[in-house]
Protein backbone atom coordinates (compact mmCIF):
# COMPACT_ATOMS: atom_id res chain seq x y z
CA MET A 1 -27.85 -27.27 -24.39
CA TRP A 2 -26.89 -23.67 -25.22
CA GLU A 3 -23.17 -24.42 -25.19
CA ALA A 4 -23.68 -27.41 -27.49
CA ALA A 5 -25.92 -25.40 -29.81
CA ARG A 6 -23.09 -22.96 -30.50
CA THR A 7 -21.11 -25.79 -32.10
CA TRP A 8 -23.81 -27.17 -34.39
CA THR A 9 -22.73 -26.60 -37.99
CA SER A 10 -25.39 -28.55 -39.89
CA VAL A 11 -29.14 -28.96 -39.98
CA GLN A 12 -28.70 -32.61 -39.03
CA GLN A 13 -26.80 -31.69 -35.85
CA LEU A 14 -29.37 -29.07 -34.94
CA ARG A 15 -32.28 -31.46 -35.45
CA ALA A 16 -30.62 -34.30 -33.54
CA GLY A 17 -29.55 -32.02 -30.69
CA LEU A 18 -32.98 -30.48 -30.23
CA GLY A 19 -34.60 -33.89 -30.48
CA GLU A 20 -32.39 -35.25 -27.71
CA PHE A 21 -33.23 -32.27 -25.51
CA VAL A 22 -36.99 -32.68 -26.07
CA ARG A 23 -36.88 -36.41 -25.32
CA ARG A 24 -35.30 -35.70 -21.93
CA GLU A 25 -38.03 -33.24 -20.98
CA ARG A 26 -41.04 -34.30 -18.93
CA LEU A 27 -44.60 -33.24 -19.69
CA ALA A 28 -45.82 -30.43 -17.44
CA PHE A 29 -49.35 -31.87 -17.63
CA PRO A 30 -51.28 -34.42 -19.73
CA PRO A 31 -51.91 -33.36 -23.36
CA GLY A 32 -54.98 -31.14 -23.57
CA ALA A 33 -55.07 -30.45 -19.83
CA GLY A 34 -53.45 -27.03 -19.88
CA SER A 35 -51.51 -24.37 -21.76
CA ARG A 36 -47.98 -23.09 -21.24
CA TYR A 37 -45.39 -21.34 -23.37
CA SER A 38 -42.81 -23.78 -24.72
CA ASN A 39 -39.87 -23.24 -27.06
CA SER A 40 -39.24 -26.95 -27.46
CA ALA A 41 -42.83 -27.52 -28.59
CA TYR A 42 -41.98 -25.81 -31.88
CA HIS A 43 -39.35 -28.46 -32.53
CA VAL A 44 -42.02 -31.12 -31.98
CA LEU A 45 -44.30 -29.36 -34.47
CA GLY A 46 -41.45 -29.28 -36.99
CA GLU A 47 -40.92 -33.01 -36.56
CA ILE A 48 -44.63 -33.60 -37.18
CA VAL A 49 -44.43 -31.57 -40.40
CA ALA A 50 -41.41 -33.59 -41.54
CA ARG A 51 -42.95 -36.97 -40.82
CA VAL A 52 -46.37 -36.20 -42.33
CA SER A 53 -44.95 -34.55 -45.46
CA GLY A 54 -42.08 -36.98 -46.00
CA GLN A 55 -39.73 -34.00 -46.46
CA GLU A 56 -37.11 -32.34 -44.32
CA TYR A 57 -38.82 -29.56 -42.38
CA GLN A 58 -36.55 -26.92 -43.95
CA ASP A 59 -37.33 -28.12 -47.49
CA TYR A 60 -41.05 -28.15 -46.77
CA VAL A 61 -41.01 -24.57 -45.46
CA ARG A 62 -38.95 -23.32 -48.40
CA GLU A 63 -41.34 -24.96 -50.89
CA HIS A 64 -44.67 -24.18 -49.24
CA ILE A 65 -44.04 -20.90 -47.38
CA PHE A 66 -40.91 -19.01 -48.40
CA ARG A 67 -41.36 -19.32 -52.18
CA PRO A 68 -45.16 -18.89 -52.49
CA THR A 69 -45.09 -15.78 -50.31
CA GLY A 70 -42.10 -14.21 -52.07
CA MET A 71 -39.91 -14.20 -48.99
CA GLY A 72 -36.77 -14.10 -51.12
CA SER A 73 -33.60 -15.07 -49.29
CA ALA A 74 -35.30 -16.18 -46.09
CA ASP A 75 -33.58 -19.33 -44.88
CA PHE A 76 -32.21 -21.43 -42.01
CA TYR A 77 -28.90 -20.83 -40.23
CA THR A 78 -26.93 -22.50 -37.47
CA THR A 79 -25.28 -20.32 -34.83
CA PRO A 80 -21.78 -20.53 -36.42
CA GLN A 81 -23.31 -19.43 -39.74
CA VAL A 82 -25.04 -16.52 -38.02
CA ARG A 83 -21.76 -15.50 -36.41
CA GLU A 84 -20.01 -15.40 -39.80
CA ASN A 85 -22.84 -13.68 -41.70
CA ARG A 86 -22.56 -9.91 -41.35
CA GLY A 87 -25.95 -9.48 -42.98
CA ILE A 88 -27.61 -10.75 -39.79
CA ALA A 89 -27.88 -8.54 -36.71
CA HIS A 90 -25.73 -9.94 -33.90
CA GLY A 91 -26.95 -9.74 -30.33
CA TYR A 92 -24.72 -8.45 -27.55
CA TYR A 93 -24.95 -7.28 -23.96
CA ARG A 94 -22.82 -5.29 -21.54
CA PRO A 95 -22.00 -6.99 -18.23
CA PRO A 96 -22.60 -4.79 -15.15
CA GLY A 97 -19.72 -2.39 -14.62
CA SER A 98 -18.16 -3.08 -18.03
CA ALA A 99 -18.07 -1.03 -21.21
CA ASP A 100 -17.28 -4.09 -23.33
CA ARG A 101 -19.91 -5.72 -25.49
CA VAL A 102 -20.19 -9.48 -25.11
CA ASP A 103 -21.41 -11.78 -27.87
CA ASN A 104 -24.94 -12.88 -27.02
CA LEU A 105 -25.63 -15.17 -29.97
CA GLY A 106 -26.89 -17.80 -27.56
CA GLU A 107 -30.07 -15.73 -27.33
CA GLN A 108 -30.51 -16.19 -31.07
CA THR A 109 -30.43 -19.97 -30.87
CA PHE A 110 -33.92 -21.25 -31.48
CA SER A 111 -35.68 -24.15 -33.10
CA TYR A 112 -34.47 -24.69 -36.67
CA GLY A 113 -32.82 -21.25 -36.94
CA GLU A 114 -35.15 -19.42 -39.33
CA PHE A 115 -34.18 -15.84 -40.17
CA ALA A 116 -36.11 -13.09 -41.99
CA THR A 117 -36.26 -9.37 -42.57
CA CYS A 118 -39.20 -7.32 -41.43
CA ALA A 119 -40.42 -6.98 -45.02
CA GLN A 120 -40.45 -10.74 -45.45
CA LEU A 121 -42.35 -11.23 -42.20
CA GLU A 122 -44.90 -8.75 -43.51
CA ARG A 123 -45.33 -10.80 -46.69
CA PHE A 124 -45.81 -13.93 -44.59
CA ALA A 125 -48.41 -12.19 -42.42
CA HIS A 126 -50.43 -10.97 -45.39
CA ALA A 127 -50.28 -14.36 -47.10
CA LEU A 128 -51.56 -16.01 -43.93
CA TRP A 129 -54.32 -13.45 -43.39
CA GLU A 130 -55.39 -13.58 -47.04
CA GLU A 131 -55.80 -17.38 -46.84
CA ARG A 132 -53.05 -18.09 -49.36
CA LEU A 133 -51.29 -20.54 -47.02
CA LEU A 134 -54.23 -22.25 -45.31
CA ASN A 135 -57.90 -22.73 -46.11
CA PRO A 136 -60.40 -20.39 -44.38
CA ALA A 137 -61.16 -22.77 -41.51
CA TYR A 138 -57.52 -23.38 -40.61
CA THR A 139 -56.65 -19.71 -41.09
CA ARG A 140 -59.29 -18.78 -38.53
CA LEU A 141 -58.09 -21.52 -36.19
CA THR A 142 -54.50 -20.29 -36.47
CA LEU A 143 -55.30 -16.61 -35.90
CA SER A 144 -57.96 -16.93 -33.22
CA GLY A 145 -57.28 -16.85 -29.49
CA LYS A 146 -56.57 -20.11 -27.67
CA VAL A 147 -56.64 -19.13 -23.99
CA PRO A 148 -59.93 -17.90 -22.45
CA LEU A 149 -59.76 -14.23 -21.45
CA PRO A 150 -62.10 -11.99 -19.45
CA PRO A 151 -64.92 -10.36 -21.49
CA ALA A 152 -63.84 -7.25 -23.36
CA ARG A 153 -65.79 -4.50 -25.07
CA ASP A 154 -63.52 -4.61 -28.08
CA PRO A 155 -63.61 -8.05 -29.82
CA ALA A 156 -60.09 -7.42 -31.11
CA ALA A 157 -58.83 -7.44 -27.52
CA VAL A 158 -59.82 -11.11 -27.27
CA ASP A 159 -59.52 -12.40 -30.83
CA PRO A 160 -56.43 -11.27 -32.82
CA ALA A 161 -58.22 -12.25 -36.04
CA ALA A 162 -60.81 -9.56 -35.34
CA ARG A 163 -58.16 -6.87 -35.66
CA GLY A 164 -57.94 -7.22 -39.41
CA PRO A 165 -54.79 -7.52 -41.52
CA PRO A 166 -51.63 -5.64 -40.58
CA PRO A 167 -51.22 -2.17 -42.11
CA ARG A 168 -49.48 -1.99 -45.47
CA ASP A 169 -47.63 1.21 -44.60
CA PRO A 170 -46.40 1.09 -40.98
CA PRO A 171 -43.84 3.61 -39.63
CA THR A 172 -40.60 3.46 -41.57
CA ARG A 173 -38.04 3.43 -38.75
CA ASP A 174 -37.08 0.29 -36.86
CA PRO A 175 -37.41 0.40 -33.06
CA PRO A 176 -34.35 -0.53 -30.98
CA ALA A 177 -33.64 -4.25 -31.09
CA HIS A 178 -34.49 -4.80 -27.43
CA HIS A 179 -38.01 -3.43 -28.08
CA ARG A 180 -38.66 -5.59 -31.13
CA PRO A 181 -41.07 -8.52 -30.74
CA ARG A 182 -39.42 -11.93 -30.70
CA SER A 183 -40.59 -14.60 -33.06
CA LEU A 184 -39.49 -17.94 -34.40
CA ALA A 185 -37.75 -15.94 -37.05
CA THR A 186 -35.19 -13.29 -36.13
CA ALA A 187 -35.16 -10.25 -38.38
CA ARG A 188 -32.00 -9.46 -40.30
CA SER A 189 -30.91 -5.86 -40.61
CA PRO A 190 -28.56 -4.22 -43.12
CA SER A 191 -24.92 -3.96 -42.16
CA SER A 192 -23.62 -0.62 -40.95
CA PRO A 193 -20.07 0.48 -41.85
CA ALA A 194 -19.66 1.85 -38.34
CA THR A 195 -20.57 -1.39 -36.62
CA GLY A 196 -19.70 -4.06 -39.15
CA GLY A 197 -23.26 -5.26 -38.92
CA ARG A 198 -22.65 -6.69 -35.45
CA THR A 199 -25.08 -4.74 -33.30
CA ASN A 200 -28.82 -5.01 -33.05
CA THR A 201 -29.30 -1.28 -33.54
CA PRO A 202 -27.57 -0.20 -36.78
CA ALA A 203 -28.15 3.34 -37.95
CA ALA A 204 -31.25 3.51 -40.14
CA PRO A 205 -30.53 4.28 -43.81
CA PRO A 206 -32.64 6.92 -45.62
CA THR A 207 -35.10 4.21 -46.64
CA ALA A 208 -35.02 1.94 -43.62
CA PRO A 209 -36.86 -1.40 -43.77
CA ARG A 210 -40.29 -1.60 -42.21
CA PRO A 211 -40.35 -2.61 -38.55
CA CYS A 212 -41.20 -6.12 -37.46
CA TRP A 213 -44.60 -6.69 -35.94
CA SER A 214 -45.98 -9.83 -34.41
CA SER A 215 -49.22 -10.87 -32.74
CA THR A 216 -48.33 -14.56 -32.81
CA ARG A 217 -45.11 -16.53 -32.71
CA THR A 218 -44.61 -17.46 -36.33
CA ALA A 219 -42.19 -19.11 -38.65
CA GLY A 220 -40.55 -16.59 -40.81
CA THR A 221 -37.49 -15.54 -42.55
CA TRP A 222 -34.90 -11.27 -45.81
CA SER A 223 -35.41 -9.46 -48.91
């Protein structure tokens, strides 16, 4: 699948390719009988959104999430588009015993290809917490824990919603890319003249963007 994904140049190819992959997969257990992390499940959720709304998933997200929350240039990109766009941080790795950096864009291939800056993810998080995207009941359902955990003295250790909204003024310097939390949206970082915008760890400018934070895997998006 990963090799094929590198050649997808349109939303239609991406959607069809992911759909074919999901249809070949077998259920790990009957619906409702367990819980397990699943990348492909997000594609299924996107298909549900498209069928219920009667819109393409991307159009629905732009209209109902990106625009209302002021997420600016947040959008969807295929892997070839990511490779050509120097405004998006490009992943790489060094093979053992080699000083050469190898393109690792395959790691950035994910369902629907949503990209965002840290500032835009912060806007999304506040809009969700402040019940501007969902009504109170569904906001609580979205933010509350789903897997039973051992009793804890601190309610926030069990229920993410008990932690309160994210801080408005977090530290100003981005952590290295390999320490950043992964989400459905990959953060875009400004290009660096020294790197051509192709590494995940560009030098921070005097007013670096706020770091990404994530307590849930979320759809997101660049300011």
